[in-house]
PDB file of all heavy atoms in Angstrom:
ATOM      1  N   SER A   1     138.328 121.816  54.247  1.00  0.00           N
ATOM      2  CA  SER A   1     138.056 121.540  55.664  1.00  0.00           C
ATOM      3  C   SER A   1     137.681 120.067  55.810  1.00  0.00           C
ATOM      4  O   SER A   1     137.293 119.415  54.836  1.00  0.00           O
ATOM      5  CB  SER A   1     136.929 122.432  56.181  1.00  0.00           C
ATOM      6  OG  SER A   1     135.732 122.182  55.471  1.00  0.00           O
ATOM      7  N   GLU A   2     137.780 119.564  57.009  1.00  0.00           N
ATOM      8  CA  GLU A   2     137.534 118.139  57.249  1.00  0.00           C
ATOM      9  C   GLU A   2     136.136 117.701  56.810  1.00  0.00           C
ATOM     10  O   GLU A   2     135.953 116.600  56.301  1.00  0.00           O
ATOM     11  CB  GLU A   2     137.725 117.834  58.740  1.00  0.00           C
ATOM     12  CG  GLU A   2     137.832 116.369  59.043  1.00  0.00           C
ATOM     13  CD  GLU A   2     138.203 116.122  60.493  1.00  0.00           C
ATOM     14  OE1 GLU A   2     139.151 116.754  60.975  1.00  0.00           O
ATOM     15  OE2 GLU A   2     137.532 115.292  61.122  1.00  0.00           O
ATOM     16  N   ASP A   3     135.144 118.576  56.972  1.00  0.00           N
ATOM     17  CA  ASP A   3     133.784 118.236  56.559  1.00  0.00           C
ATOM     18  C   ASP A   3     133.544 118.450  55.062  1.00  0.00           C
ATOM     19  O   ASP A   3     132.491 118.099  54.540  1.00  0.00           O
ATOM     20  CB  ASP A   3     132.750 119.010  57.377  1.00  0.00           C
ATOM     21  CG  ASP A   3     132.850 120.525  57.192  1.00  0.00           C
ATOM     22  OD1 ASP A   3     133.635 120.997  56.342  1.00  0.00           O
ATOM     23  OD2 ASP A   3     132.129 121.246  57.917  1.00  0.00           O
ATOM     24  N   GLY A   4     134.521 119.027  54.367  1.00  0.00           N
ATOM     25  CA  GLY A   4     134.421 119.204  52.926  1.00  0.00           C
ATOM     26  C   GLY A   4     133.583 120.395  52.489  1.00  0.00           C
ATOM     27  O   GLY A   4     133.266 120.528  51.316  1.00  0.00           O
ATOM     28  N   ASN A   5     133.266 121.287  53.408  1.00  0.00           N
ATOM     29  CA  ASN A   5     132.406 122.423  53.084  1.00  0.00           C
ATOM     30  C   ASN A   5     133.140 123.738  52.859  1.00  0.00           C
ATOM     31  O   ASN A   5     132.541 124.696  52.404  1.00  0.00           O
ATOM     32  CB  ASN A   5     131.363 122.633  54.192  1.00  0.00           C
ATOM     33  CG  ASN A   5     130.354 121.511  54.234  1.00  0.00           C
ATOM     34  OD1 ASN A   5     129.977 120.963  53.203  1.00  0.00           O
ATOM     35  ND2 ASN A   5     129.922 121.148  55.422  1.00  0.00           N
ATOM     36  N   ARG A   6     134.433 123.810  53.195  1.00  0.00           N
ATOM     37  CA  ARG A   6     135.156 125.073  53.103  1.00  0.00           C
ATOM     38  C   ARG A   6     136.533 124.856  52.473  1.00  0.00           C
ATOM     39  O   ARG A   6     137.310 124.019  52.924  1.00  0.00           O
ATOM     40  CB  ARG A   6     135.320 125.661  54.509  1.00  0.00           C
ATOM     41  CG  ARG A   6     135.953 127.034  54.547  1.00  0.00           C
ATOM     42  CD  ARG A   6     135.958 127.604  55.954  1.00  0.00           C
ATOM     43  NE  ARG A   6     136.550 126.692  56.926  1.00  0.00           N
ATOM     44  CZ  ARG A   6     137.848 126.638  57.213  1.00  0.00           C
ATOM     45  NH1 ARG A   6     138.706 127.420  56.607  1.00  0.00           N
ATOM     46  NH2 ARG A   6     138.293 125.786  58.118  1.00  0.00           N
ATOM     47  N   LEU A   7     136.805 125.614  51.434  1.00  0.00           N
ATOM     48  CA  LEU A   7     138.114 125.573  50.783  1.00  0.00           C
ATOM     49  C   LEU A   7     139.128 126.294  51.663  1.00  0.00           C
ATOM     50  O   LEU A   7     138.909 127.438  52.068  1.00  0.00           O
ATOM     51  CB  LEU A   7     138.040 126.244  49.411  1.00  0.00           C
ATOM     52  CG  LEU A   7     139.345 126.388  48.641  1.00  0.00           C
ATOM     53  CD1 LEU A   7     139.922 125.020  48.279  1.00  0.00           C
ATOM     54  CD2 LEU A   7     139.133 127.227  47.399  1.00  0.00           C
ATOM     55  N   ILE A   8     140.220 125.619  51.972  1.00  0.00           N
ATOM     56  CA  ILE A   8     141.270 126.216  52.792  1.00  0.00           C
ATOM     57  C   ILE A   8     142.336 126.844  51.911  1.00  0.00           C
ATOM     58  O   ILE A   8     142.714 127.995  52.111  1.00  0.00           O
ATOM     59  CB  ILE A   8     141.899 125.162  53.737  1.00  0.00           C
ATOM     60  CG1 ILE A   8     140.834 124.669  54.723  1.00  0.00           C
ATOM     61  CG2 ILE A   8     143.109 125.723  54.455  1.00  0.00           C
ATOM     62  CD1 ILE A   8     141.263 123.505  55.572  1.00  0.00           C
ATOM     63  N   GLU A   9     142.815 126.079  50.907  1.00  0.00           N
ATOM     64  CA  GLU A   9     143.914 126.586  50.075  1.00  0.00           C
ATOM     65  C   GLU A   9     143.954 125.856  48.736  1.00  0.00           C
ATOM     66  O   GLU A   9     143.757 124.650  48.680  1.00  0.00           O
ATOM     67  CB  GLU A   9     145.238 126.363  50.820  1.00  0.00           C
ATOM     68  CG  GLU A   9     146.441 126.910  50.131  1.00  0.00           C
ATOM     69  CD  GLU A   9     147.732 126.707  50.924  1.00  0.00           C
ATOM     70  OE1 GLU A   9     147.693 126.106  52.018  1.00  0.00           O
ATOM     71  OE2 GLU A   9     148.769 127.156  50.432  1.00  0.00           O
ATOM     72  N   VAL A  10     144.232 126.603  47.679  1.00  0.00           N
ATOM     73  CA  VAL A  10     144.502 126.008  46.377  1.00  0.00           C
ATOM     74  C   VAL A  10     145.996 125.707  46.349  1.00  0.00           C
ATOM     75  O   VAL A  10     146.828 126.602  46.489  1.00  0.00           O
ATOM     76  CB  VAL A  10     144.117 126.958  45.216  1.00  0.00           C
ATOM     77  CG1 VAL A  10     144.488 126.329  43.879  1.00  0.00           C
ATOM     78  CG2 VAL A  10     142.637 127.284  45.267  1.00  0.00           C
ATOM     79  N   LEU A  11     146.341 124.437  46.207  1.00  0.00           N
ATOM     80  CA  LEU A  11     147.734 124.009  46.265  1.00  0.00           C
ATOM     81  C   LEU A  11     148.393 123.983  44.895  1.00  0.00           C
ATOM     82  O   LEU A  11     149.601 124.182  44.777  1.00  0.00           O
ATOM     83  CB  LEU A  11     147.816 122.622  46.905  1.00  0.00           C
ATOM     84  CG  LEU A  11     147.199 122.510  48.302  1.00  0.00           C
ATOM     85  CD1 LEU A  11     147.137 121.059  48.737  1.00  0.00           C
ATOM     86  CD2 LEU A  11     147.977 123.353  49.284  1.00  0.00           C
ATOM     87  N   SER A  12     147.603 123.708  43.857  1.00  0.00           N
ATOM     88  CA  SER A  12     148.162 123.573  42.514  1.00  0.00           C
ATOM     89  C   SER A  12     147.065 123.772  41.477  1.00  0.00           C
ATOM     90  O   SER A  12     145.908 123.442  41.726  1.00  0.00           O
ATOM     91  CB  SER A  12     148.775 122.177  42.362  1.00  0.00           C
ATOM     92  OG  SER A  12     149.161 121.937  41.039  1.00  0.00           O
ATOM     93  N   ARG A  13     147.443 124.278  40.314  1.00  0.00           N
ATOM     94  CA  ARG A  13     146.547 124.354  39.157  1.00  0.00           C
ATOM     95  C   ARG A  13     147.326 123.852  37.950  1.00  0.00           C
ATOM     96  O   ARG A  13     148.532 124.051  37.858  1.00  0.00           O
ATOM     97  CB  ARG A  13     146.081 125.776  38.902  1.00  0.00           C
ATOM     98  CG  ARG A  13     145.042 126.235  39.895  1.00  0.00           C
ATOM     99  CD  ARG A  13     144.265 127.401  39.311  1.00  0.00           C
ATOM    100  NE  ARG A  13     143.170 127.786  40.155  1.00  0.00           N
ATOM    101  CZ  ARG A  13     141.930 127.319  40.055  1.00  0.00           C
ATOM    102  NH1 ARG A  13     141.633 126.454  39.127  1.00  0.00           N
ATOM    103  NH2 ARG A  13     140.990 127.730  40.868  1.00  0.00           N
ATOM    104  N   SER A  14     146.599 123.191  37.037  1.00  0.00           N
ATOM    105  CA  SER A  14     147.257 122.602  35.873  1.00  0.00           C
ATOM    106  C   SER A  14     146.286 122.501  34.702  1.00  0.00           C
ATOM    107  O   SER A  14     145.077 122.366  34.896  1.00  0.00           O
ATOM    108  CB  SER A  14     147.778 121.212  36.226  1.00  0.00           C
ATOM    109  OG  SER A  14     148.312 120.571  35.104  1.00  0.00           O
ATOM    110  N   ALA A  15     146.834 122.522  33.503  1.00  0.00           N
ATOM    111  CA  ALA A  15     146.045 122.277  32.296  1.00  0.00           C
ATOM    112  C   ALA A  15     146.040 120.790  31.961  1.00  0.00           C
ATOM    113  O   ALA A  15     145.212 120.328  31.190  1.00  0.00           O
ATOM    114  CB  ALA A  15     146.614 123.071  31.124  1.00  0.00           C
ATOM    115  N   SER A  16     146.937 120.020  32.578  1.00  0.00           N
ATOM    116  CA  SER A  16     147.110 118.602  32.282  1.00  0.00           C
ATOM    117  C   SER A  16     146.600 117.741  33.438  1.00  0.00           C
ATOM    118  O   SER A  16     146.988 117.946  34.598  1.00  0.00           O
ATOM    119  CB  SER A  16     148.590 118.305  32.056  1.00  0.00           C
ATOM    120  OG  SER A  16     148.852 116.934  32.118  1.00  0.00           O
ATOM    121  N   GLN A  17     145.751 116.751  33.119  1.00  0.00           N
ATOM    122  CA  GLN A  17     145.245 115.867  34.162  1.00  0.00           C
ATOM    123  C   GLN A  17     146.361 115.023  34.770  1.00  0.00           C
ATOM    124  O   GLN A  17     146.387 114.817  35.980  1.00  0.00           O
ATOM    125  CB  GLN A  17     144.140 114.964  33.635  1.00  0.00           C
ATOM    126  CG  GLN A  17     143.553 114.094  34.730  1.00  0.00           C
ATOM    127  CD  GLN A  17     142.379 113.256  34.275  1.00  0.00           C
ATOM    128  OE1 GLN A  17     141.985 113.294  33.126  1.00  0.00           O
ATOM    129  NE2 GLN A  17     141.825 112.488  35.188  1.00  0.00           N
ATOM    130  N   SER A  18     147.282 114.532  33.977  1.00  0.00           N
ATOM    131  CA  SER A  18     148.350 113.680  34.523  1.00  0.00           C
ATOM    132  C   SER A  18     149.243 114.466  35.488  1.00  0.00           C
ATOM    133  O   SER A  18     149.640 113.933  36.529  1.00  0.00           O
ATOM    134  CB  SER A  18     149.170 113.042  33.405  1.00  0.00           C
ATOM    135  OG  SER A  18     149.715 114.029  32.569  1.00  0.00           O
ATOM    136  N   ILE A  19     149.526 115.704  35.184  1.00  0.00           N
ATOM    137  CA  ILE A  19     150.316 116.537  36.097  1.00  0.00           C
ATOM    138  C   ILE A  19     149.511 116.821  37.357  1.00  0.00           C
ATOM    139  O   ILE A  19     150.041 116.790  38.470  1.00  0.00           O
ATOM    140  CB  ILE A  19     150.763 117.837  35.408  1.00  0.00           C
ATOM    141  CG1 ILE A  19     151.796 117.501  34.332  1.00  0.00           C
ATOM    142  CG2 ILE A  19     151.324 118.836  36.416  1.00  0.00           C
ATOM    143  CD1 ILE A  19     152.185 118.661  33.454  1.00  0.00           C
ATOM    144  N   ALA A  20     148.212 117.055  37.209  1.00  0.00           N
ATOM    145  CA  ALA A  20     147.349 117.313  38.355  1.00  0.00           C
ATOM    146  C   ALA A  20     147.289 116.110  39.295  1.00  0.00           C
ATOM    147  O   ALA A  20     147.298 116.270  40.516  1.00  0.00           O
ATOM    148  CB  ALA A  20     145.953 117.697  37.878  1.00  0.00           C
ATOM    149  N   VAL A  21     147.243 114.905  38.735  1.00  0.00           N
ATOM    150  CA  VAL A  21     147.223 113.693  39.565  1.00  0.00           C
ATOM    151  C   VAL A  21     148.532 113.570  40.349  1.00  0.00           C
ATOM    152  O   VAL A  21     148.532 113.237  41.537  1.00  0.00           O
ATOM    153  CB  VAL A  21     146.952 112.429  38.718  1.00  0.00           C
ATOM    154  CG1 VAL A  21     147.180 111.160  39.528  1.00  0.00           C
ATOM    155  CG2 VAL A  21     145.533 112.467  38.165  1.00  0.00           C
ATOM    156  N   MET A  22     149.657 113.868  39.710  1.00  0.00           N
ATOM    157  CA  MET A  22     150.940 113.825  40.418  1.00  0.00           C
ATOM    158  C   MET A  22     150.974 114.865  41.535  1.00  0.00           C
ATOM    159  O   MET A  22     151.474 114.589  42.631  1.00  0.00           O
ATOM    160  CB  MET A  22     152.089 114.037  39.440  1.00  0.00           C
ATOM    161  CG  MET A  22     152.327 112.849  38.527  1.00  0.00           C
ATOM    162  SD  MET A  22     153.783 113.022  37.481  1.00  0.00           S
ATOM    163  CE  MET A  22     153.149 114.089  36.205  1.00  0.00           C
ATOM    164  N   ALA A  23     150.434 116.045  41.278  1.00  0.00           N
ATOM    165  CA  ALA A  23     150.373 117.091  42.308  1.00  0.00           C
ATOM    166  C   ALA A  23     149.463 116.658  43.461  1.00  0.00           C
ATOM    167  O   ALA A  23     149.763 116.915  44.630  1.00  0.00           O
ATOM    168  CB  ALA A  23     149.883 118.399  41.704  1.00  0.00           C
ATOM    169  N   PHE A  24     148.366 115.975  43.140  1.00  0.00           N
ATOM    170  CA  PHE A  24     147.461 115.449  44.166  1.00  0.00           C
ATOM    171  C   PHE A  24     148.192 114.451  45.058  1.00  0.00           C
ATOM    172  O   PHE A  24     148.108 114.518  46.283  1.00  0.00           O
ATOM    173  CB  PHE A  24     146.250 114.783  43.491  1.00  0.00           C
ATOM    174  CG  PHE A  24     145.322 114.090  44.440  1.00  0.00           C
ATOM    175  CD1 PHE A  24     144.343 114.806  45.119  1.00  0.00           C
ATOM    176  CD2 PHE A  24     145.409 112.722  44.656  1.00  0.00           C
ATOM    177  CE1 PHE A  24     143.474 114.169  46.009  1.00  0.00           C
ATOM    178  CE2 PHE A  24     144.550 112.075  45.522  1.00  0.00           C
ATOM    179  CZ  PHE A  24     143.579 112.809  46.208  1.00  0.00           C
ATOM    180  N   ARG A  25     148.929 113.521  44.464  1.00  0.00           N
ATOM    181  CA  ARG A  25     149.676 112.511  45.237  1.00  0.00           C
ATOM    182  C   ARG A  25     150.747 113.174  46.103  1.00  0.00           C
ATOM    183  O   ARG A  25     150.961 112.778  47.256  1.00  0.00           O
ATOM    184  CB  ARG A  25     150.324 111.481  44.300  1.00  0.00           C
ATOM    185  CG  ARG A  25     149.331 110.687  43.482  1.00  0.00           C
ATOM    186  CD  ARG A  25     148.473 109.796  44.330  1.00  0.00           C
ATOM    187  NE  ARG A  25     147.542 109.053  43.480  1.00  0.00           N
ATOM    188  CZ  ARG A  25     146.367 108.632  43.876  1.00  0.00           C
ATOM    189  NH1 ARG A  25     145.962 108.844  45.096  1.00  0.00           N
ATOM    190  NH2 ARG A  25     145.572 107.985  43.053  1.00  0.00           N
ATOM    191  N   ALA A  26     151.421 114.192  45.573  1.00  0.00           N
ATOM    192  CA  ALA A  26     152.434 114.913  46.351  1.00  0.00           C
ATOM    193  C   ALA A  26     151.779 115.643  47.525  1.00  0.00           C
ATOM    194  O   ALA A  26     152.317 115.648  48.641  1.00  0.00           O
ATOM    195  CB  ALA A  26     153.187 115.894  45.463  1.00  0.00           C
ATOM    196  N   ALA A  27     150.624 116.238  47.295  1.00  0.00           N
ATOM    197  CA  ALA A  27     149.912 116.932  48.368  1.00  0.00           C
ATOM    198  C   ALA A  27     149.495 115.954  49.467  1.00  0.00           C
ATOM    199  O   ALA A  27     149.557 116.281  50.657  1.00  0.00           O
ATOM    200  CB  ALA A  27     148.690 117.652  47.807  1.00  0.00           C
ATOM    201  N   GLN A  28     149.083 114.741  49.072  1.00  0.00           N
ATOM    202  CA  GLN A  28     148.750 113.698  50.055  1.00  0.00           C
ATOM    203  C   GLN A  28     149.952 113.395  50.940  1.00  0.00           C
ATOM    204  O   GLN A  28     149.815 113.228  52.145  1.00  0.00           O
ATOM    205  CB  GLN A  28     148.352 112.406  49.354  1.00  0.00           C
ATOM    206  CG  GLN A  28     146.932 112.319  48.905  1.00  0.00           C
ATOM    207  CD  GLN A  28     146.661 110.929  48.363  1.00  0.00           C
ATOM    208  OE1 GLN A  28     147.255 110.516  47.372  1.00  0.00           O
ATOM    209  NE2 GLN A  28     145.765 110.216  49.007  1.00  0.00           N
ATOM    210  N   ALA A  29     151.121 113.300  50.335  1.00  0.00           N
ATOM    211  CA  ALA A  29     152.335 112.964  51.087  1.00  0.00           C
ATOM    212  C   ALA A  29     152.740 114.091  52.039  1.00  0.00           C
ATOM    213  O   ALA A  29     153.170 113.832  53.159  1.00  0.00           O
ATOM    214  CB  ALA A  29     153.473 112.655  50.125  1.00  0.00           C
ATOM    215  N   PHE A  30     152.606 115.334  51.596  1.00  0.00           N
ATOM    216  CA  PHE A  30     153.034 116.470  52.408  1.00  0.00           C
ATOM    217  C   PHE A  30     151.998 116.900  53.440  1.00  0.00           C
ATOM    218  O   PHE A  30     152.345 117.539  54.426  1.00  0.00           O
ATOM    219  CB  PHE A  30     153.404 117.660  51.518  1.00  0.00           C
ATOM    220  CG  PHE A  30     154.722 117.477  50.842  1.00  0.00           C
ATOM    221  CD1 PHE A  30     154.785 117.166  49.491  1.00  0.00           C
ATOM    222  CD2 PHE A  30     155.914 117.592  51.541  1.00  0.00           C
ATOM    223  CE1 PHE A  30     156.009 116.979  48.865  1.00  0.00           C
ATOM    224  CE2 PHE A  30     157.133 117.413  50.922  1.00  0.00           C
ATOM    225  CZ  PHE A  30     157.182 117.103  49.577  1.00  0.00           C
ATOM    226  N   ARG A  31     150.747 116.564  53.201  1.00  0.00           N
ATOM    227  CA  ARG A  31     149.679 116.913  54.142  1.00  0.00           C
ATOM    228  C   ARG A  31     148.814 115.676  54.404  1.00  0.00           C
ATOM    229  O   ARG A  31     147.660 115.623  54.011  1.00  0.00           O
ATOM    230  CB  ARG A  31     148.844 118.055  53.593  1.00  0.00           C
ATOM    231  CG  ARG A  31     149.683 119.304  53.407  1.00  0.00           C
ATOM    232  CD  ARG A  31     148.862 120.480  53.041  1.00  0.00           C
ATOM    233  NE  ARG A  31     149.749 121.614  52.871  1.00  0.00           N
ATOM    234  CZ  ARG A  31     149.335 122.822  52.587  1.00  0.00           C
ATOM    235  NH1 ARG A  31     148.056 123.063  52.439  1.00  0.00           N
ATOM    236  NH2 ARG A  31     150.192 123.802  52.438  1.00  0.00           N
ATOM    237  N   PRO A  32     149.384 114.674  55.070  1.00  0.00           N
ATOM    238  CA  PRO A  32     148.677 113.396  55.234  1.00  0.00           C
ATOM    239  C   PRO A  32     147.378 113.490  56.039  1.00  0.00           C
ATOM    240  O   PRO A  32     146.500 112.650  55.876  1.00  0.00           O
ATOM    241  CB  PRO A  32     149.700 112.506  55.937  1.00  0.00           C
ATOM    242  CG  PRO A  32     150.663 113.435  56.574  1.00  0.00           C
ATOM    243  CD  PRO A  32     150.692 114.660  55.712  1.00  0.00           C
ATOM    244  N   LYS A  33     147.243 114.499  56.886  1.00  0.00           N
ATOM    245  CA  LYS A  33     146.018 114.631  57.680  1.00  0.00           C
ATOM    246  C   LYS A  33     145.016 115.583  57.033  1.00  0.00           C
ATOM    247  O   LYS A  33     143.896 115.710  57.513  1.00  0.00           O
ATOM    248  CB  LYS A  33     146.354 115.100  59.088  1.00  0.00           C
ATOM    249  CG  LYS A  33     147.153 114.063  59.857  1.00  0.00           C
ATOM    250  CD  LYS A  33     147.400 114.482  61.265  1.00  0.00           C
ATOM    251  CE  LYS A  33     148.221 113.402  61.952  1.00  0.00           C
ATOM    252  NZ  LYS A  33     148.438 113.678  63.343  1.00  0.00           N
ATOM    253  N   GLY A  34     145.417 116.244  55.957  1.00  0.00           N
ATOM    254  CA  GLY A  34     144.522 117.185  55.295  1.00  0.00           C
ATOM    255  C   GLY A  34     143.559 116.486  54.351  1.00  0.00           C
ATOM    256  O   GLY A  34     143.812 115.370  53.891  1.00  0.00           O
ATOM    257  N   ARG A  35     142.452 117.131  54.076  1.00  0.00           N
ATOM    258  CA  ARG A  35     141.504 116.617  53.079  1.00  0.00           C
ATOM    259  C   ARG A  35     141.861 117.281  51.756  1.00  0.00           C
ATOM    260  O   ARG A  35     141.684 118.478  51.574  1.00  0.00           O
ATOM    261  CB  ARG A  35     140.070 116.937  53.463  1.00  0.00           C
ATOM    262  CG  ARG A  35     139.103 116.386  52.439  1.00  0.00           C
ATOM    263  CD  ARG A  35     137.690 116.481  52.899  1.00  0.00           C
ATOM    264  NE  ARG A  35     136.827 115.816  51.941  1.00  0.00           N
ATOM    265  CZ  ARG A  35     135.535 115.639  52.128  1.00  0.00           C
ATOM    266  NH1 ARG A  35     134.969 116.077  53.221  1.00  0.00           N
ATOM    267  NH2 ARG A  35     134.818 115.026  51.217  1.00  0.00           N
ATOM    268  N   ILE A  36     142.388 116.494  50.842  1.00  0.00           N
ATOM    269  CA  ILE A  36     142.866 116.992  49.561  1.00  0.00           C
ATOM    270  C   ILE A  36     141.898 116.543  48.466  1.00  0.00           C
ATOM    271  O   ILE A  36     141.470 115.383  48.449  1.00  0.00           O
ATOM    272  CB  ILE A  36     144.288 116.466  49.246  1.00  0.00           C
ATOM    273  CG1 ILE A  36     145.240 116.732  50.431  1.00  0.00           C
ATOM    274  CG2 ILE A  36     144.819 117.073  47.957  1.00  0.00           C
ATOM    275  CD1 ILE A  36     145.453 118.168  50.789  1.00  0.00           C
ATOM    276  N   ARG A  37     141.589 117.464  47.567  1.00  0.00           N
ATOM    277  CA  ARG A  37     140.721 117.150  46.429  1.00  0.00           C
ATOM    278  C   ARG A  37     141.402 117.554  45.136  1.00  0.00           C
ATOM    279  O   ARG A  37     142.082 118.572  45.065  1.00  0.00           O
ATOM    280  CB  ARG A  37     139.411 117.937  46.509  1.00  0.00           C
ATOM    281  CG  ARG A  37     138.425 117.412  47.468  1.00  0.00           C
ATOM    282  CD  ARG A  37     137.156 118.212  47.395  1.00  0.00           C
ATOM    283  NE  ARG A  37     136.148 117.642  48.277  1.00  0.00           N
ATOM    284  CZ  ARG A  37     135.091 118.297  48.701  1.00  0.00           C
ATOM    285  NH1 ARG A  37     134.876 119.537  48.318  1.00  0.00           N
ATOM    286  NH2 ARG A  37     134.228 117.711  49.500  1.00  0.00           N
ATOM    287  N   LEU A  38     141.177 116.743  44.121  1.00  0.00           N
ATOM    288  CA  LEU A  38     141.552 117.101  42.753  1.00  0.00           C
ATOM    289  C   LEU A  38     140.246 117.346  42.017  1.00  0.00           C
ATOM    290  O   LEU A  38     139.382 116.473  41.970  1.00  0.00           O
ATOM    291  CB  LEU A  38     142.334 115.966  42.079  1.00  0.00           C
ATOM    292  CG  LEU A  38     142.557 116.111  40.570  1.00  0.00           C
ATOM    293  CD1 LEU A  38     143.280 117.405  40.226  1.00  0.00           C
ATOM    294  CD2 LEU A  38     143.312 114.918  40.028  1.00  0.00           C
ATOM    295  N   ARG A  39     140.100 118.564  41.486  1.00  0.00           N
ATOM    296  CA  ARG A  39     138.875 118.908  40.772  1.00  0.00           C
ATOM    297  C   ARG A  39     139.188 119.347  39.341  1.00  0.00           C
ATOM    298  O   ARG A  39     140.223 119.934  39.072  1.00  0.00           O
ATOM    299  CB  ARG A  39     138.144 120.069  41.467  1.00  0.00           C
ATOM    300  CG  ARG A  39     137.603 119.705  42.808  1.00  0.00           C
ATOM    301  CD  ARG A  39     136.712 120.770  43.423  1.00  0.00           C
ATOM    302  NE  ARG A  39     137.251 122.115  43.343  1.00  0.00           N
ATOM    303  CZ  ARG A  39     136.642 123.134  42.713  1.00  0.00           C
ATOM    304  NH1 ARG A  39     135.508 122.973  42.096  1.00  0.00           N
ATOM    305  NH2 ARG A  39     137.198 124.326  42.719  1.00  0.00           N
TER     306      ARG A  39
END
């Protein structure tokens, strides 16, 4: 959520940090107004 208090959707899961970073960048491109986190 915009305030960062509520998880809306898990977009990707990975065992590899480099793959996770690429998924994070892709999520930014596809959801430019969304608040995306890589954890």
